[in-house]
């Protein structure tokens, strides 16, 4: 009998046991001038110029916002090279040669508790904007835009579910820096005018719940609680997280703020804490290398580090005679890339290296596994067929735009059909 698939191998157990290797001293750092949300950009520094940690080195430009670029080291601007960014595209990158002194820009001094307490909502939003902070759960949507909503906000949700397999960046953050997450949540609550905060984590992470609740003992006077949600995939999707953690059902495509809710990844909230308390942008992130084609390792590295450097530190590739498959991000929603010449950006948390296995796509057997398992209740096979027939009207009628590209349809398909890729292509085709 065909049933709904919700539980998938998460690939985290062994990764969580591994130590974190510090690699914050890369000799050269690379900063993409553009990204998926910002197709245009420009730098404001010249070759030979000396820059400091936290200094603005350029601006990326999106359709309705601009995003400052910051140096994560001190050193000399030495030119440009093309490298792969988080989207898998080859982009121009500004290069800074690390002088290993890590001199911080003089104006970036810590704020006192009194200064933080005196900050207005408008000032908090501006601080987040100036830090160039974006959604670190993968969306890369500008955080300040969410905080600047005009809708009354009742609750801010800290999403620590991290349901994608092989990803442990948020887990590592909550285990080692719980107070940063809580402080960031408090600042987000103040910026949004919310009275309540909720931190959502998986039920099976009892150790994280204990860490967070222990840390919360120091925060009397704040209405913040830790709530556990299901261990299934894709529980981290904000619609499901809000439903299970807050009991609020929000229709897909509705603006969360209209329902009095703001949802932030826990790493984003830690970034808010960094910006508010230390006047700094995101400088470093946890990142994992996993898969059967490489020695699995966890790193903490600076934004701008090349993934190829981390691969080398991990000992290079196993079974070098076997071609490799690279997945940037998680195995379900990540981006396939053809090389390891990748720049670590704000949203980079994982590189999966798999030994290539030949999979032969077979004809659909009409089992309906993809339909039963789809969290947004669309019909992937019917959409695929409509796309192959170039039937735009049927594609729209089948509501392909509801697809969240979670990857479950491809995962459950016994015929090994890359249904998620067909969903992406159908969505793009329908918009033309």
Protein backbone atom coordinates (compact mmCIF):
# COMPACT_ATOMS: atom_id res chain seq x y z
CA UNK A 1 0.00 0.00 0.00
CA UNK A 2 1.27 3.44 -0.93
CA UNK A 3 1.41 5.81 2.05
CA UNK A 4 2.62 9.33 2.70
CA UNK A 5 6.39 9.53 3.21
CA UNK A 6 7.39 11.87 6.04
CA UNK A 7 10.42 10.21 7.65
CA UNK A 8 13.65 10.20 5.67
CA UNK A 9 17.25 9.43 6.69
CA UNK A 10 18.64 12.65 8.15
CA UNK A 11 22.38 11.92 7.94
CA UNK A 12 23.09 13.98 11.07
CA UNK A 13 23.95 11.41 13.75
CA UNK A 14 27.62 10.97 12.89
CA UNK A 15 28.13 14.60 11.89
CA UNK A 16 26.95 15.78 15.31
CA UNK A 17 29.64 13.66 16.96
CA UNK A 18 32.47 15.20 14.96
CA UNK A 19 34.50 18.11 16.39
CA UNK A 20 34.38 21.52 14.76
CA UNK A 21 37.63 22.41 12.99
CA UNK A 22 38.38 26.13 13.10
CA UNK A 23 39.49 27.47 9.73
CA UNK A 24 39.23 31.23 10.07
CA UNK A 25 42.65 32.00 8.58
CA UNK A 26 42.23 31.50 4.84
CA UNK A 27 44.97 33.44 2.99
CA UNK A 28 42.52 34.84 0.42
CA UNK A 29 38.81 35.65 0.80
CA UNK A 30 36.39 35.97 -2.11
CA UNK A 31 33.21 38.07 -2.12
CA UNK A 32 30.59 37.62 -4.87
CA UNK A 33 29.57 40.99 -6.30
CA UNK A 34 26.13 39.62 -7.24
CA UNK A 35 23.89 36.79 -6.05
CA UNK A 36 20.56 35.13 -6.87
CA UNK A 37 18.49 37.91 -5.29
CA UNK A 38 20.78 40.72 -6.42
CA UNK A 39 21.61 40.42 -10.14
CA UNK A 40 23.55 43.67 -10.09
CA UNK A 41 26.32 44.94 -7.86
CA UNK A 42 29.33 47.18 -7.58
CA UNK A 43 32.37 47.46 -5.35
CA UNK A 44 33.61 50.65 -3.68
CA UNK A 45 37.26 49.70 -3.18
CA UNK A 46 40.28 49.64 -5.48
CA UNK A 47 43.21 47.29 -6.03
CA UNK A 48 45.92 47.91 -3.43
CA UNK A 49 43.49 49.44 -0.95
CA UNK A 50 43.67 48.25 2.67
CA UNK A 51 40.38 47.28 4.32
CA UNK A 52 39.39 46.22 7.82
CA UNK A 53 37.01 43.69 9.31
CA UNK A 54 33.42 44.87 8.92
CA UNK A 55 34.24 47.54 6.35
CA UNK A 56 31.79 47.99 3.47
CA UNK A 57 33.46 46.90 0.24
CA UNK A 58 30.51 47.11 -2.16
CA UNK A 59 26.77 46.96 -2.68
CA UNK A 60 24.59 44.28 -4.26
CA UNK A 61 21.39 45.51 -5.88
CA UNK A 62 18.07 43.66 -5.96
CA UNK A 63 14.73 44.57 -7.48
CA UNK A 64 13.55 46.58 -4.46
CA UNK A 65 16.48 46.68 -2.03
CA UNK A 66 20.23 47.07 -1.76
CA UNK A 67 22.57 44.90 0.26
CA UNK A 68 25.97 46.04 1.55
CA UNK A 69 28.99 43.72 1.22
CA UNK A 70 31.45 43.57 4.11
CA UNK A 71 35.00 42.36 4.45
CA UNK A 72 35.41 39.51 6.94
CA UNK A 73 39.16 40.05 7.33
CA UNK A 74 41.61 42.90 7.24
CA UNK A 75 43.99 43.04 4.33
CA UNK A 76 44.64 44.21 0.79
CA UNK A 77 42.24 44.29 -2.14
CA UNK A 78 44.04 42.40 -4.91
CA UNK A 79 41.57 42.07 -7.76
CA UNK A 80 38.73 39.90 -9.07
CA UNK A 81 38.16 36.27 -10.07
CA UNK A 82 35.17 34.22 -11.11
CA UNK A 83 33.95 31.55 -8.70
CA UNK A 84 30.74 29.63 -8.06
CA UNK A 85 28.32 31.14 -5.52
CA UNK A 86 25.49 29.58 -3.47
CA UNK A 87 23.17 29.52 -6.51
CA UNK A 88 25.65 27.37 -8.45
CA UNK A 89 26.39 30.18 -10.91
CA UNK A 90 29.82 31.49 -11.89
CA UNK A 91 30.05 35.11 -10.67
CA UNK A 92 32.64 37.87 -10.30
CA UNK A 93 34.23 37.93 -6.86
CA UNK A 94 36.31 40.63 -5.18
CA UNK A 95 39.50 39.19 -3.64
CA UNK A 96 41.03 40.34 -0.36
CA UNK A 97 44.43 39.09 0.73
CA UNK A 98 44.30 38.31 4.44
CA UNK A 99 46.96 40.07 6.53
CA UNK A 100 46.03 37.87 9.53
CA UNK A 101 45.79 40.91 11.83
CA UNK A 102 41.96 41.04 11.82
CA UNK A 103 41.83 44.74 12.53
CA UNK A 104 38.24 45.78 13.06
CA UNK A 105 36.93 49.06 11.65
CA UNK A 106 37.31 51.68 14.40
CA UNK A 107 33.63 52.65 14.41
CA UNK A 108 32.50 49.08 15.12
CA UNK A 109 32.63 49.15 18.90
CA UNK A 110 30.37 47.15 21.18
CA UNK A 111 27.17 48.76 22.42
CA UNK A 112 26.54 48.87 26.13
CA UNK A 113 23.39 47.36 27.63
CA UNK A 114 22.12 50.89 28.21
CA UNK A 115 22.66 51.81 24.56
CA UNK A 116 20.89 48.67 23.40
CA UNK A 117 17.96 49.27 25.74
CA UNK A 118 17.56 52.81 24.36
CA UNK A 119 17.37 51.70 20.72
CA UNK A 120 14.07 52.41 18.97
CA UNK A 121 12.30 50.02 16.61
CA UNK A 122 13.40 52.14 13.66
CA UNK A 123 17.02 52.14 14.83
CA UNK A 124 17.01 48.36 15.25
CA UNK A 125 15.69 47.88 11.72
CA UNK A 126 18.37 50.23 10.36
CA UNK A 127 21.10 48.34 12.22
CA UNK A 128 19.98 45.06 10.66
CA UNK A 129 19.82 46.73 7.24
CA UNK A 130 23.32 48.18 7.55
CA UNK A 131 24.65 44.75 8.54
CA UNK A 132 23.36 43.30 5.25
CA UNK A 133 21.67 40.51 7.18
CA UNK A 134 19.59 38.03 5.18
CA UNK A 135 17.67 34.86 5.96
CA UNK A 136 20.37 32.34 6.87
CA UNK A 137 18.06 29.35 6.62
CA UNK A 138 18.59 29.51 2.88
CA UNK A 139 16.05 32.09 1.69
CA UNK A 140 18.56 34.99 1.70
CA UNK A 141 15.61 37.40 1.95
CA UNK A 142 16.62 40.74 3.53
CA UNK A 143 15.87 40.55 7.26
CA UNK A 144 15.23 44.25 7.71
CA UNK A 145 12.28 44.15 5.30
CA UNK A 146 10.52 41.54 7.45
CA UNK A 147 11.24 43.50 10.64
CA UNK A 148 9.98 46.76 9.13
CA UNK A 149 6.45 45.41 8.57
CA UNK A 150 3.55 47.74 9.32
CA UNK A 151 1.37 44.84 10.44
CA UNK A 152 0.98 44.33 14.20
CA UNK A 153 3.11 41.37 15.25
CA UNK A 154 2.09 39.18 18.17
CA UNK A 155 4.86 36.57 18.13
CA UNK A 156 8.32 36.07 16.65
CA UNK A 157 9.18 32.45 15.88
CA UNK A 158 12.78 31.28 16.03
CA UNK A 159 12.94 28.36 13.61
CA UNK A 160 15.54 25.86 14.77
CA UNK A 161 14.02 22.78 13.15
CA UNK A 162 16.68 22.37 10.44
CA UNK A 163 14.81 19.45 8.87
CA UNK A 164 17.01 19.08 5.79
CA UNK A 165 19.29 16.01 6.00
CA UNK A 166 23.06 16.44 6.54
CA UNK A 167 22.71 19.99 7.90
CA UNK A 168 23.81 20.66 11.50
CA UNK A 169 24.77 24.36 11.39
CA UNK A 170 21.75 25.50 13.43
CA UNK A 171 22.13 22.53 15.78
CA UNK A 172 25.77 23.46 16.47
CA UNK A 173 24.82 27.10 17.03
CA UNK A 174 22.06 26.31 19.53
CA UNK A 175 24.28 23.86 21.42
CA UNK A 176 27.25 26.23 21.69
CA UNK A 177 25.74 29.74 21.60
CA UNK A 178 22.16 29.55 22.96
CA UNK A 179 22.30 33.04 24.47
CA UNK A 180 23.12 34.60 21.10
CA UNK A 181 19.95 33.08 19.68
CA UNK A 182 17.87 34.29 22.63
CA UNK A 183 19.33 37.81 22.56
CA UNK A 184 18.71 38.01 18.82
CA UNK A 185 15.13 36.86 19.36
CA UNK A 186 14.61 39.57 21.98
CA UNK A 187 15.98 42.24 19.63
CA UNK A 188 13.73 40.97 16.82
CA UNK A 189 10.73 41.06 19.18
CA UNK A 190 11.53 44.66 20.08
CA UNK A 191 12.05 45.66 16.44
CA UNK A 192 8.71 44.07 15.48
CA UNK A 193 6.82 45.21 18.57
CA UNK A 194 6.04 41.60 19.56
CA UNK A 195 5.37 40.60 23.17
CA UNK A 196 6.01 36.88 22.72
CA UNK A 197 8.83 34.73 21.36
CA UNK A 198 8.86 31.00 20.58
CA UNK A 199 11.86 28.81 19.72
CA UNK A 200 10.83 25.75 17.69
CA UNK A 201 13.04 22.65 17.68
CA UNK A 202 12.59 18.97 16.86
CA UNK A 203 11.16 16.73 19.58
CA UNK A 204 14.15 14.40 19.42
CA UNK A 205 16.61 17.18 20.31
CA UNK A 206 16.16 16.98 24.08
CA UNK A 207 19.71 18.20 24.62
CA UNK A 208 18.97 21.46 22.74
CA UNK A 209 15.77 21.99 24.73
CA UNK A 210 17.74 21.64 27.96
CA UNK A 211 20.44 24.05 26.75
CA UNK A 212 17.94 26.68 25.70
CA UNK A 213 15.76 26.38 28.81
CA UNK A 214 18.83 26.59 31.03
CA UNK A 215 19.94 29.76 29.23
CA UNK A 216 16.42 31.21 29.48
CA UNK A 217 16.69 31.15 33.27
CA UNK A 218 18.74 34.35 32.95
CA UNK A 219 15.97 36.13 31.02
CA UNK A 220 13.21 36.92 33.49
CA UNK A 221 10.56 39.32 32.26
CA UNK A 222 10.45 37.97 28.68
CA UNK A 223 7.67 35.75 27.37
CA UNK A 224 9.85 33.25 25.53
CA UNK A 225 9.34 29.50 25.43
CA UNK A 226 10.90 26.50 23.70
CA UNK A 227 8.37 24.38 21.78
CA UNK A 228 9.04 20.98 20.22
CA UNK A 229 7.61 19.97 16.86
CA UNK A 230 7.64 16.81 14.76
CA UNK A 231 10.75 15.03 13.56
CA UNK A 232 9.41 14.58 10.05
CA UNK A 233 10.36 16.25 6.76
CA UNK A 234 9.69 19.05 5.77
CA UNK A 235 8.79 20.20 9.29
CA UNK A 236 11.11 23.20 8.92
CA UNK A 237 8.91 24.70 6.19
CA UNK A 238 7.60 27.84 7.87
CA UNK A 239 3.92 27.07 7.23
CA UNK A 240 4.22 23.72 9.01
CA UNK A 241 6.47 25.05 11.77
CA UNK A 242 4.02 27.86 12.55
CA UNK A 243 1.07 25.47 12.50
CA UNK A 244 2.70 22.95 14.84
CA UNK A 245 4.56 25.37 17.12
CA UNK A 246 1.98 28.15 17.37
CA UNK A 247 -1.28 26.49 16.36
CA UNK A 248 -1.79 29.12 13.65
CA UNK A 249 -2.85 27.93 10.20
CA UNK A 250 -1.60 30.28 7.50
CA UNK A 251 -2.68 29.71 3.89
CA UNK A 252 0.20 29.25 1.50
CA UNK A 253 1.23 32.52 -0.21
CA UNK A 254 -0.29 34.63 2.60
CA UNK A 255 2.07 37.12 4.20
CA UNK A 256 2.95 35.81 7.66
CA UNK A 257 2.88 39.30 9.12
CA UNK A 258 -0.83 39.61 8.25
CA UNK A 259 -1.42 36.83 10.78
CA UNK A 260 0.71 38.50 13.46
CA UNK A 261 3.73 36.22 12.98
CA UNK A 262 7.34 36.70 11.93
CA UNK A 263 9.53 33.63 11.30
CA UNK A 264 13.33 33.74 11.47
CA UNK A 265 15.96 31.04 11.29
CA UNK A 266 17.92 30.79 14.56
CA UNK A 267 21.18 31.64 12.77
CA UNK A 268 19.55 34.80 11.43
CA UNK A 269 18.63 35.78 14.98
CA UNK A 270 22.21 35.17 16.11
CA UNK A 271 23.21 37.50 13.27
CA UNK A 272 20.85 40.16 14.62
CA UNK A 273 22.55 39.83 18.02
CA UNK A 274 25.95 40.30 16.36
CA UNK A 275 24.77 43.42 14.54
CA UNK A 276 23.05 45.02 17.53
CA UNK A 277 25.56 44.22 20.26
CA UNK A 278 28.83 44.29 18.31
CA UNK A 279 27.94 46.43 15.27
CA UNK A 280 29.29 43.60 13.09
CA UNK A 281 27.95 41.76 10.05
CA UNK A 282 28.05 37.96 9.78
CA UNK A 283 31.74 37.04 9.69
CA UNK A 284 31.76 33.26 10.16
CA UNK A 285 29.49 30.22 9.88
CA UNK A 286 29.45 26.54 10.74
CA UNK A 287 29.71 24.34 7.66
CA UNK A 288 29.78 20.57 7.10
CA UNK A 289 31.39 18.42 4.44
CA UNK A 290 29.64 15.06 4.17
CA UNK A 291 28.92 12.18 1.82
CA UNK A 292 30.64 8.95 0.82
CA UNK A 293 33.07 10.73 -1.50
CA UNK A 294 34.92 12.65 1.23
CA UNK A 295 36.06 12.40 4.83
CA UNK A 296 33.19 13.98 6.77
CA UNK A 297 34.21 17.11 8.65
CA UNK A 298 32.66 20.09 10.44
CA UNK A 299 34.26 23.50 10.09
CA UNK A 300 33.82 27.03 11.30
CA UNK A 301 35.06 29.32 8.55
CA UNK A 302 34.90 32.93 7.46
CA UNK A 303 32.48 34.14 4.83
CA UNK A 304 34.48 34.31 1.61
CA UNK A 305 36.44 31.08 2.17
CA UNK A 306 36.74 28.77 -0.83
CA UNK A 307 35.13 25.36 -0.37
CA UNK A 308 38.05 23.79 -2.24
CA UNK A 309 40.27 24.88 0.68
CA UNK A 310 38.00 23.03 3.12
CA UNK A 311 38.02 19.96 0.87
CA UNK A 312 41.81 19.98 0.98
CA UNK A 313 41.79 20.33 4.78
CA UNK A 314 39.43 17.36 4.93
CA UNK A 315 42.01 15.25 3.15
CA UNK A 316 40.71 15.51 -0.38
CA UNK A 317 38.36 13.09 -2.09
CA UNK A 318 37.98 9.38 -1.48
CA UNK A 319 37.94 6.94 -4.38
CA UNK A 320 39.42 9.47 -6.79
CA UNK A 321 38.82 7.18 -9.74
CA UNK A 322 35.04 7.52 -9.23
CA UNK A 323 33.37 10.71 -10.56
CA UNK A 324 31.84 12.89 -7.86
CA UNK A 325 28.43 14.54 -7.45
CA UNK A 326 28.50 17.87 -5.57
CA UNK A 327 25.42 19.16 -3.74
CA UNK A 328 25.59 22.61 -2.20
CA UNK A 329 23.16 22.58 0.72
CA UNK A 330 21.04 19.60 1.69
CA UNK A 331 20.33 16.50 -0.41
CA UNK A 332 16.64 17.32 -0.76
CA UNK A 333 16.65 21.02 -1.65
CA UNK A 334 20.31 21.70 -2.39
CA UNK A 335 21.89 22.87 -5.62
CA UNK A 336 23.87 20.53 -7.85
CA UNK A 337 27.20 22.06 -8.85
CA UNK A 338 29.84 20.67 -11.17
CA UNK A 339 32.95 21.75 -9.24
CA UNK A 340 34.19 22.57 -5.75
CA UNK A 341 35.38 26.05 -6.71
CA UNK A 342 32.64 27.50 -4.53
CA UNK A 343 32.68 30.61 -2.35
CA UNK A 344 31.27 30.23 1.14
CA UNK A 345 28.53 32.85 1.48
CA UNK A 346 26.11 33.76 4.28
CA UNK A 347 23.74 30.93 3.37
CA UNK A 348 26.34 28.19 2.80
CA UNK A 349 26.06 25.50 5.46
CA UNK A 350 26.93 22.25 3.69
CA UNK A 351 28.69 20.61 0.77
CA UNK A 352 27.77 16.98 0.09
CA UNK A 353 30.20 14.95 -2.00
CA UNK A 354 28.82 11.66 -3.29
CA UNK A 355 30.45 9.00 -5.42
CA UNK A 356 28.48 9.05 -8.66
CA UNK A 357 26.02 6.22 -9.11
CA UNK A 358 24.37 5.62 -12.46
CA UNK A 359 20.60 5.93 -12.03
CA UNK A 360 18.37 5.04 -14.94
CA UNK A 361 15.08 6.91 -15.12
CA UNK A 362 12.26 4.51 -15.86
CA UNK A 363 8.66 5.12 -17.02
CA UNK A 364 6.14 6.25 -14.42
CA UNK A 365 4.28 3.28 -12.88
CA UNK A 366 1.36 5.48 -11.71
CA UNK A 367 1.85 4.53 -8.07
CA UNK A 368 0.89 8.04 -6.83
CA UNK A 369 3.68 8.04 -4.23
CA UNK A 370 4.58 11.60 -5.19
CA UNK A 371 0.98 12.75 -4.79
CA UNK A 372 0.53 11.13 -1.37
CA UNK A 373 3.80 12.56 -0.06
CA UNK A 374 3.53 16.11 -1.43
CA UNK A 375 3.22 18.53 1.54
CA UNK A 376 1.39 21.12 -0.58
CA UNK A 377 -0.95 18.55 -2.16
CA UNK A 378 -0.18 19.05 -5.84
CA UNK A 379 0.24 16.35 -8.52
CA UNK A 380 3.90 16.22 -9.62
CA UNK A 381 3.49 13.60 -12.36
CA UNK A 382 0.58 15.44 -13.98
CA UNK A 383 2.58 18.66 -13.88
CA UNK A 384 5.55 16.88 -15.44
CA UNK A 385 3.37 15.56 -18.25
CA UNK A 386 1.89 19.02 -18.84
CA UNK A 387 5.39 20.51 -18.96
CA UNK A 388 6.55 17.92 -21.49
CA UNK A 389 3.50 18.83 -23.61
CA UNK A 390 4.29 22.55 -23.11
CA UNK A 391 0.72 23.00 -21.84
CA UNK A 392 1.04 26.21 -19.85
CA UNK A 393 -2.66 26.45 -18.99
CA UNK A 394 -2.72 22.98 -17.46
CA UNK A 395 0.48 23.66 -15.53
CA UNK A 396 -1.12 26.73 -13.97
CA UNK A 397 -4.37 24.89 -13.31
CA UNK A 398 -2.40 22.21 -11.45
CA UNK A 399 -0.96 25.00 -9.23
CA UNK A 400 2.72 24.33 -9.78
CA UNK A 401 3.45 27.67 -8.11
CA UNK A 402 2.54 26.05 -4.77
CA UNK A 403 5.56 23.72 -5.03
CA UNK A 404 8.18 24.43 -2.33
CA UNK A 405 10.78 22.24 -4.08
CA UNK A 406 11.21 20.06 -0.99
CA UNK A 407 12.41 17.11 -3.08
CA UNK A 408 10.05 14.52 -1.61
CA UNK A 409 8.49 13.63 -4.96
CA UNK A 410 11.89 12.70 -6.38
CA UNK A 411 12.85 10.89 -3.19
CA UNK A 412 9.82 8.59 -3.14
CA UNK A 413 9.62 7.88 -6.88
CA UNK A 414 10.36 4.17 -7.56
CA UNK A 415 11.07 5.02 -11.20
CA UNK A 416 13.85 7.43 -10.23
CA UNK A 417 12.19 10.32 -12.09
CA UNK A 418 13.66 13.71 -11.20
CA UNK A 419 10.26 15.17 -10.47
CA UNK A 420 11.51 18.12 -8.42
CA UNK A 421 13.58 19.29 -11.37
CA UNK A 422 10.49 19.06 -13.57
CA UNK A 423 8.61 21.18 -11.00
CA UNK A 424 11.33 23.84 -11.20
CA UNK A 425 11.24 23.85 -14.98
CA UNK A 426 7.43 23.93 -15.05
CA UNK A 427 7.33 26.90 -12.67
CA UNK A 428 9.81 28.78 -14.80
CA UNK A 429 7.94 27.90 -18.00
CA UNK A 430 4.60 29.00 -16.54
CA UNK A 431 5.98 32.46 -15.75
CA UNK A 432 7.11 33.17 -19.33
